Amino acid sequence: MLKIFPAVYLTAMAIAVTNYPSVTMAGTCASRCGERPIQFTPGQRIRLEVINTTSNLVKLEQLQATKPILLQPGEKFQLDNDQQSDISLIFWDDKGLPLQAIYSRPDLNTLRVELRRGKVNPGDRSLDILGDGRVKVY
């Protein structure tokens, strides 16, 4: 009886491996996590660059400012924030088309946001740099 148990166990494991490969093919997070989210150190000076790569006029409005900034196709807007507090920026296409915000960190103190034509309504509409340094696009 004791010799039959290991044989039955090994047979059951072989069947489980072939029938449920996703269960048995677990990997580490390091192998399948994707890129780390962009985050700045709280209090760090940040330069925010927004580039309009669409063929339409895009409007930007920093929530602390009073009126929208017009960004022509291909034009770049730059904002230097000496003391990083929460930065909130809303943006929209002048014709009401959806936008997609692709953000990157080309150097240690710069956040670059490329506004592209979106595929799904309503698209991206705002960007926040939170007080803890995290970057969120909504």
Protein backbone atom coordinates (compact mmCIF):
# COMPACT_ATOMS: atom_id res chain seq x y z
CA MET A 1 0.00 0.00 0.00
CA LEU A 2 2.81 2.40 0.83
CA LYS A 3 4.40 1.91 -2.60
CA ILE A 4 1.14 2.67 -4.42
CA PHE A 5 0.66 6.10 -2.81
CA PRO A 6 3.73 7.79 -4.42
CA ALA A 7 2.76 6.40 -7.84
CA VAL A 8 -0.82 7.68 -7.50
CA TYR A 9 0.43 11.06 -6.28
CA LEU A 10 2.85 11.45 -9.19
CA THR A 11 0.16 10.45 -11.68
CA ALA A 12 -2.29 12.98 -10.23
CA MET A 13 0.35 15.75 -10.40
CA ALA A 14 1.14 14.90 -14.03
CA ILE A 15 -2.55 15.16 -14.93
CA ALA A 16 -2.88 18.49 -13.07
CA VAL A 17 0.13 19.92 -14.88
CA THR A 18 -1.22 19.03 -18.32
CA ASN A 19 -4.83 20.08 -17.61
CA TYR A 20 -4.10 23.32 -15.71
CA PRO A 21 -0.85 24.80 -17.07
CA SER A 22 -1.63 28.34 -15.85
CA VAL A 23 -1.78 27.11 -12.26
CA THR A 24 1.57 25.38 -12.47
CA MET A 25 3.40 28.04 -14.50
CA ALA A 26 3.61 30.70 -11.84
CA GLY A 27 6.37 33.24 -12.25
CA THR A 28 7.92 35.86 -10.09
CA CYS A 29 6.70 39.43 -10.15
CA ALA A 30 10.07 40.47 -11.54
CA SER A 31 9.39 38.45 -14.66
CA ARG A 32 5.90 39.81 -15.42
CA CYS A 33 5.22 43.00 -13.48
CA GLY A 34 5.56 45.54 -16.25
CA GLU A 35 7.15 48.93 -15.76
CA ARG A 36 7.29 50.63 -12.38
CA PRO A 37 4.93 53.60 -12.11
CA ILE A 38 6.49 57.04 -12.31
CA GLN A 39 6.91 58.66 -8.92
CA PHE A 40 8.82 61.70 -7.72
CA THR A 41 10.29 62.36 -4.29
CA PRO A 42 7.96 64.57 -2.22
CA GLY A 43 9.23 68.15 -2.26
CA GLN A 44 11.29 67.61 -5.41
CA ARG A 45 11.36 70.35 -8.07
CA ILE A 46 9.47 69.16 -11.13
CA ARG A 47 9.37 70.46 -14.68
CA LEU A 48 6.14 69.49 -16.42
CA GLU A 49 6.19 69.43 -20.23
CA VAL A 50 2.96 68.97 -22.17
CA ILE A 51 3.22 68.37 -25.93
CA ASN A 52 0.22 68.48 -28.26
CA THR A 53 0.82 65.78 -30.89
CA THR A 54 -2.72 65.95 -32.25
CA SER A 55 -3.80 67.91 -35.32
CA ASN A 56 -6.30 69.94 -33.27
CA LEU A 57 -6.16 72.75 -30.77
CA VAL A 58 -5.91 71.46 -27.19
CA LYS A 59 -6.79 73.50 -24.12
CA LEU A 60 -4.98 73.10 -20.79
CA GLU A 61 -6.00 74.49 -17.48
CA GLN A 62 -4.06 74.31 -14.28
CA LEU A 63 -6.59 74.20 -11.49
CA GLN A 64 -4.85 76.99 -9.59
CA ALA A 65 -4.88 79.25 -12.71
CA THR A 66 -7.93 81.11 -13.94
CA LYS A 67 -8.13 80.66 -17.71
CA PRO A 68 -7.23 77.91 -20.20
CA ILE A 69 -3.97 77.85 -22.12
CA LEU A 70 -4.31 77.19 -25.86
CA LEU A 71 -1.88 74.62 -27.21
CA GLN A 72 -1.56 74.52 -30.99
CA PRO A 73 -0.73 71.24 -32.81
CA GLY A 74 2.95 70.42 -32.23
CA GLU A 75 3.31 73.09 -29.54
CA LYS A 76 4.87 72.43 -26.13
CA PHE A 77 3.86 73.94 -22.78
CA GLN A 78 6.30 73.93 -19.87
CA LEU A 79 5.62 74.49 -16.20
CA ASP A 80 8.37 74.66 -13.58
CA ASN A 81 7.19 73.90 -10.08
CA ASP A 82 9.70 75.13 -7.51
CA GLN A 83 8.04 73.53 -4.53
CA GLN A 84 6.21 70.40 -5.40
CA SER A 85 2.74 70.58 -4.07
CA ASP A 86 -0.14 68.86 -5.75
CA ILE A 87 -0.18 69.74 -9.45
CA SER A 88 -3.50 69.28 -11.22
CA LEU A 89 -3.90 69.86 -14.92
CA ILE A 90 -7.03 69.31 -16.98
CA PHE A 91 -6.98 69.15 -20.77
CA TRP A 92 -9.44 68.72 -23.59
CA ASP A 93 -9.60 68.76 -27.38
CA ASP A 94 -11.22 71.90 -28.80
CA LYS A 95 -13.48 69.76 -31.02
CA GLY A 96 -14.49 67.40 -28.22
CA LEU A 97 -12.48 64.42 -29.51
CA PRO A 98 -10.96 61.98 -27.00
CA LEU A 99 -7.32 62.38 -25.96
CA GLN A 100 -4.76 59.92 -24.69
CA ALA A 101 -2.03 61.13 -22.31
CA ILE A 102 1.25 59.24 -22.62
CA TYR A 103 3.62 60.24 -19.85
CA SER A 104 7.31 59.56 -19.37
CA ARG A 105 10.23 60.71 -17.28
CA PRO A 106 13.04 61.73 -19.65
CA ASP A 107 15.25 62.88 -16.77
CA LEU A 108 15.20 62.97 -12.99
CA ASN A 109 13.18 66.20 -12.62
CA THR A 110 10.99 66.21 -15.75
CA LEU A 111 7.58 64.74 -16.41
CA ARG A 112 6.73 64.76 -20.13
CA VAL A 113 3.11 64.32 -21.21
CA GLU A 114 2.31 63.75 -24.88
CA LEU A 115 -1.32 64.34 -25.74
CA ARG A 116 -2.38 62.10 -28.61
CA ARG A 117 -5.65 61.36 -30.33
CA GLY A 118 -7.57 58.91 -28.18
CA LYS A 119 -9.51 55.92 -29.46
CA VAL A 120 -12.13 55.58 -26.75
CA ASN A 121 -14.51 58.21 -25.39
CA PRO A 122 -14.20 60.00 -23.05
CA GLY A 123 -10.40 59.48 -23.08
CA ASP A 124 -7.92 60.99 -20.65
CA ARG A 125 -8.91 64.37 -19.22
CA SER A 126 -6.60 65.23 -16.36
CA LEU A 127 -3.21 64.67 -14.80
CA ASP A 128 -2.35 64.92 -11.11
CA ILE A 129 1.01 64.88 -9.39
CA LEU A 130 0.04 64.06 -5.84
CA GLY A 131 1.76 65.32 -2.69
CA ASP A 132 3.40 61.92 -2.17
CA GLY A 133 4.99 62.14 -5.66
CA ARG A 134 2.72 59.69 -7.49
CA VAL A 135 1.51 60.57 -11.00
CA LYS A 136 -2.09 59.79 -11.93
CA VAL A 137 -3.90 60.24 -15.25
CA TYR A 138 -7.70 60.24 -15.27
